[in-house]
């Protein structure tokens, strides 16, 4: 335990929380200390400002053991009641799902690529959602599906682009269909707003005058 609450520092680049920002509002006053071992640095997923491991993980059989070194309630730290805790759990769930897919199909896992960055609706690269599954490259083009959305698959050492369109795709403008019924062309998103500043100011002045006359009547 510490007399001064310890904040959380930047997440290690080699852990599953590497793309998350360190929670500035989270502090720790007491925790279970990790046993100092030669591989403690590789097993540390989150640390405090003084370098003490806060979250550790290690391979165990076909899975991974993850330990948060604080209690599940907010007596030792406010991490379990913070929004960052939810994001950290999502990363762990994503990690477990990817590992589960690898165990279920060892041959496919040897050549599969884990989701690394997905393309959002506004065209920016964002972390993968829990629904994204590993991509298994084949001889031909791979379709874009709900489980394999467009984006980058792989890791920091190398990625494969999974595109929404192929190289032959072309965008064409919409052509007005040839129909015989009468059609009226209108402006898209036509601005029908009116400036009411003048009438409202005039009405306020008129009410003020009427109120003044009523006082002296």
Protein backbone atom coordinates (compact mmCIF):
# COMPACT_ATOMS: atom_id res chain seq x y z
CA UNK A 1 0.00 0.00 0.00
CA UNK A 2 1.05 3.63 -0.55
CA UNK A 3 0.47 6.79 1.46
CA UNK A 4 0.09 8.67 -1.84
CA UNK A 5 -2.25 7.12 -4.45
CA UNK A 6 -0.37 5.95 -7.53
CA UNK A 7 -1.65 6.79 -11.04
CA UNK A 8 -1.53 4.48 -14.04
CA UNK A 9 1.23 5.15 -16.55
CA UNK A 10 1.28 4.48 -20.32
CA UNK A 11 0.37 0.94 -21.30
CA UNK A 12 3.25 -1.20 -22.67
CA UNK A 13 3.38 -1.35 -26.45
CA UNK A 14 3.61 -5.16 -26.39
CA UNK A 15 0.38 -5.69 -24.43
CA UNK A 16 -3.26 -5.84 -25.52
CA UNK A 17 -3.95 -2.37 -24.05
CA UNK A 18 -1.31 -0.63 -26.18
CA UNK A 19 -3.85 1.45 -28.14
CA UNK A 20 -5.65 2.67 -25.00
CA UNK A 21 -4.88 5.98 -23.32
CA UNK A 22 -3.79 5.71 -19.68
CA UNK A 23 -6.78 6.55 -17.43
CA UNK A 24 -5.91 9.85 -15.76
CA UNK A 25 -8.72 9.49 -13.21
CA UNK A 26 -7.62 6.06 -11.95
CA UNK A 27 -5.46 5.78 -8.83
CA UNK A 28 -4.30 2.84 -6.72
CA UNK A 29 -3.74 2.93 -2.96
CA UNK A 30 -3.16 -0.78 -2.35
CA UNK A 31 -2.58 -3.88 -4.47
CA UNK A 32 -1.15 -7.39 -4.60
CA UNK A 33 2.51 -7.13 -5.55
CA UNK A 34 3.68 -9.26 -8.47
CA UNK A 35 6.38 -11.79 -7.78
CA UNK A 36 9.66 -10.55 -9.29
CA UNK A 37 10.66 -13.04 -11.99
CA UNK A 38 13.02 -12.72 -14.98
CA UNK A 39 10.07 -12.43 -17.39
CA UNK A 40 7.99 -9.99 -15.33
CA UNK A 41 8.49 -7.22 -17.90
CA UNK A 42 7.12 -9.39 -20.74
CA UNK A 43 4.16 -10.43 -18.58
CA UNK A 44 3.23 -6.90 -17.51
CA UNK A 45 0.26 -5.38 -19.34
CA UNK A 46 -0.24 -2.26 -17.17
CA UNK A 47 1.96 -0.48 -14.63
CA UNK A 48 1.78 2.28 -12.06
CA UNK A 49 3.83 5.46 -12.13
CA UNK A 50 6.53 3.85 -9.95
CA UNK A 51 6.82 0.84 -12.28
CA UNK A 52 4.81 -1.59 -10.14
CA UNK A 53 2.81 -4.06 -12.31
CA UNK A 54 -0.95 -3.45 -12.13
CA UNK A 55 -2.12 -6.05 -14.68
CA UNK A 56 -0.13 -9.13 -15.66
CA UNK A 57 -0.79 -11.96 -18.09
CA UNK A 58 0.92 -15.21 -18.97
CA UNK A 59 0.33 -18.17 -21.27
CA UNK A 60 -1.10 -21.21 -19.51
CA UNK A 61 -1.81 -24.29 -21.57
CA UNK A 62 -4.09 -23.28 -24.43
CA UNK A 63 -5.12 -19.99 -22.84
CA UNK A 64 -3.87 -16.96 -20.95
CA UNK A 65 -4.08 -16.13 -17.24
CA UNK A 66 -4.79 -12.45 -16.59
CA UNK A 67 -4.55 -10.90 -13.13
CA UNK A 68 -5.66 -7.44 -12.04
CA UNK A 69 -3.63 -6.78 -8.89
CA UNK A 70 -6.49 -4.93 -7.14
CA UNK A 71 -9.80 -6.01 -5.62
CA UNK A 72 -12.98 -6.13 -7.76
CA UNK A 73 -14.52 -3.35 -5.66
CA UNK A 74 -13.25 0.21 -5.24
CA UNK A 75 -11.55 -0.27 -1.85
CA UNK A 76 -8.00 -0.48 -3.20
CA UNK A 77 -8.49 1.36 -6.48
CA UNK A 78 -11.23 3.08 -8.48
CA UNK A 79 -10.16 1.17 -11.61
CA UNK A 80 -13.04 -1.40 -11.40
CA UNK A 81 -15.64 1.42 -11.52
CA UNK A 82 -13.97 3.38 -14.34
CA UNK A 83 -14.73 3.35 -18.04
CA UNK A 84 -11.16 2.29 -18.78
CA UNK A 85 -11.80 -1.00 -16.95
CA UNK A 86 -14.57 -1.82 -19.43
CA UNK A 87 -12.26 -1.13 -22.39
CA UNK A 88 -9.56 -3.30 -20.86
CA UNK A 89 -12.02 -6.17 -20.43
CA UNK A 90 -13.05 -5.79 -24.06
CA UNK A 91 -9.43 -6.17 -25.16
CA UNK A 92 -9.10 -9.30 -23.03
CA UNK A 93 -12.30 -10.77 -24.49
CA UNK A 94 -11.03 -10.03 -28.00
CA UNK A 95 -7.75 -11.74 -27.14
CA UNK A 96 -9.57 -14.80 -25.82
CA UNK A 97 -11.80 -15.03 -28.89
CA UNK A 98 -8.79 -14.93 -31.20
CA UNK A 99 -7.08 -17.61 -29.14
CA UNK A 100 -10.24 -19.71 -29.14
CA UNK A 101 -10.43 -19.57 -32.92
CA UNK A 102 -6.78 -20.66 -33.14
CA UNK A 103 -7.34 -23.63 -30.84
CA UNK A 104 -10.49 -24.70 -32.69
CA UNK A 105 -8.68 -24.80 -36.01
CA UNK A 106 -4.93 -25.18 -35.60
CA UNK A 107 -4.24 -25.45 -39.31
CA UNK A 108 -6.17 -22.28 -40.12
CA UNK A 109 -4.66 -20.49 -37.14
CA UNK A 110 -1.19 -21.04 -38.52
CA UNK A 111 -2.05 -18.89 -41.53
CA UNK A 112 -4.80 -16.67 -40.11
CA UNK A 113 -4.32 -12.98 -39.43
CA UNK A 114 -5.84 -11.36 -36.37
CA UNK A 115 -7.81 -8.11 -36.80
CA UNK A 116 -5.42 -5.20 -36.24
CA UNK A 117 -7.21 -2.02 -37.37
CA UNK A 118 -10.67 -1.67 -38.88
CA UNK A 119 -12.03 1.09 -41.15
CA UNK A 120 -14.81 3.06 -39.48
CA UNK A 121 -17.77 4.71 -41.21
CA UNK A 122 -15.82 7.97 -41.61
CA UNK A 123 -12.82 6.22 -43.16
CA UNK A 124 -10.47 6.29 -40.16
CA UNK A 125 -8.58 3.32 -38.68
CA UNK A 126 -9.97 2.20 -35.32
CA UNK A 127 -9.33 -0.80 -33.03
CA UNK A 128 -11.21 -3.98 -34.02
CA UNK A 129 -14.61 -4.68 -32.54
CA UNK A 130 -15.30 -7.87 -30.53
CA UNK A 131 -17.22 -9.26 -33.54
CA UNK A 132 -14.20 -9.16 -35.87
CA UNK A 133 -12.65 -12.58 -36.47
CA UNK A 134 -9.20 -13.59 -37.82
CA UNK A 135 -8.84 -13.45 -41.58
CA UNK A 136 -7.70 -16.61 -43.40
CA UNK A 137 -5.99 -15.61 -46.66
CA UNK A 138 -6.76 -17.78 -49.65
CA UNK A 139 -5.82 -18.07 -53.28
CA UNK A 140 -8.60 -15.78 -54.47
CA UNK A 141 -10.14 -12.51 -53.27
CA UNK A 142 -11.77 -12.66 -49.86
CA UNK A 143 -15.29 -11.30 -49.42
CA UNK A 144 -16.06 -8.58 -46.90
CA UNK A 145 -18.38 -9.96 -44.22
CA UNK A 146 -19.68 -8.96 -40.80
CA UNK A 147 -16.97 -11.07 -39.15
CA UNK A 148 -14.26 -9.88 -41.58
CA UNK A 149 -14.92 -6.16 -42.12
CA UNK A 150 -12.55 -4.07 -44.26
CA UNK A 151 -9.36 -3.01 -42.55
CA UNK A 152 -5.86 -4.22 -41.69
CA UNK A 153 -5.21 -7.75 -40.45
CA UNK A 154 -1.97 -8.93 -38.86
CA UNK A 155 0.23 -7.18 -36.31
CA UNK A 156 2.69 -4.32 -35.94
CA UNK A 157 5.32 -6.37 -37.76
CA UNK A 158 3.19 -6.75 -40.89
CA UNK A 159 -0.39 -6.29 -42.05
CA UNK A 160 -2.64 -7.38 -44.89
CA UNK A 161 -5.17 -4.91 -46.30
CA UNK A 162 -8.69 -6.34 -46.60
CA UNK A 163 -10.34 -3.93 -49.02
CA UNK A 164 -14.01 -3.22 -49.45
CA UNK A 165 -13.63 -2.88 -53.25
CA UNK A 166 -11.25 -4.44 -55.73
CA UNK A 167 -8.95 -2.68 -58.21
CA UNK A 168 -11.54 -2.88 -61.00
CA UNK A 169 -14.31 -1.20 -59.01
CA UNK A 170 -15.51 2.11 -60.38
CA UNK A 171 -17.86 4.72 -58.96
CA UNK A 172 -20.50 6.08 -61.33
CA UNK A 173 -22.98 8.93 -60.82
CA UNK A 174 -26.65 8.09 -60.52
CA UNK A 175 -28.52 8.50 -63.77
CA UNK A 176 -32.06 9.83 -63.79
CA UNK A 177 -34.32 7.06 -65.05
CA UNK A 178 -36.38 7.55 -68.20
CA UNK A 179 -39.99 7.60 -67.04
CA UNK A 180 -43.17 9.04 -68.55
CA UNK A 181 -44.88 10.31 -65.41
CA UNK A 182 -44.44 14.01 -64.49
CA UNK A 183 -41.43 14.60 -62.27
CA UNK A 184 -40.50 17.79 -60.44
CA UNK A 185 -36.85 18.48 -59.68
CA UNK A 186 -36.26 19.96 -56.23
CA UNK A 187 -33.11 21.05 -54.47
CA UNK A 188 -31.60 18.51 -52.05
CA UNK A 189 -31.65 19.68 -48.43
CA UNK A 190 -33.32 22.95 -49.39
CA UNK A 191 -32.88 25.59 -46.70
CA UNK A 192 -36.34 26.83 -45.71
CA UNK A 193 -35.27 28.60 -42.53
CA UNK A 194 -36.37 32.17 -41.89
CA UNK A 195 -34.61 34.91 -39.96
CA UNK A 196 -36.98 35.92 -37.16
CA UNK A 197 -34.60 38.28 -35.41
CA UNK A 198 -36.21 41.44 -36.80
CA UNK A 199 -39.85 40.50 -36.07
CA UNK A 200 -38.98 39.26 -32.58
CA UNK A 201 -37.11 42.47 -31.71
CA UNK A 202 -39.99 44.58 -33.04
CA UNK A 203 -42.50 42.55 -31.04
CA UNK A 204 -40.41 42.95 -27.88
CA UNK A 205 -40.22 46.73 -28.36
CA UNK A 206 -43.99 46.91 -28.97
CA UNK A 207 -44.70 44.96 -25.79
CA UNK A 208 -42.38 47.24 -23.87
CA UNK A 209 -44.22 50.31 -25.12
CA UNK A 210 -47.61 48.79 -24.29
CA UNK A 211 -46.38 47.89 -20.81
CA UNK A 212 -45.16 51.45 -20.28
CA UNK A 213 -48.50 52.90 -21.42
CA UNK A 214 -50.37 50.52 -19.13
CA UNK A 215 -48.34 51.75 -16.15
CA UNK A 216 -49.19 55.42 -16.81
CA UNK A 217 -52.83 54.82 -17.83
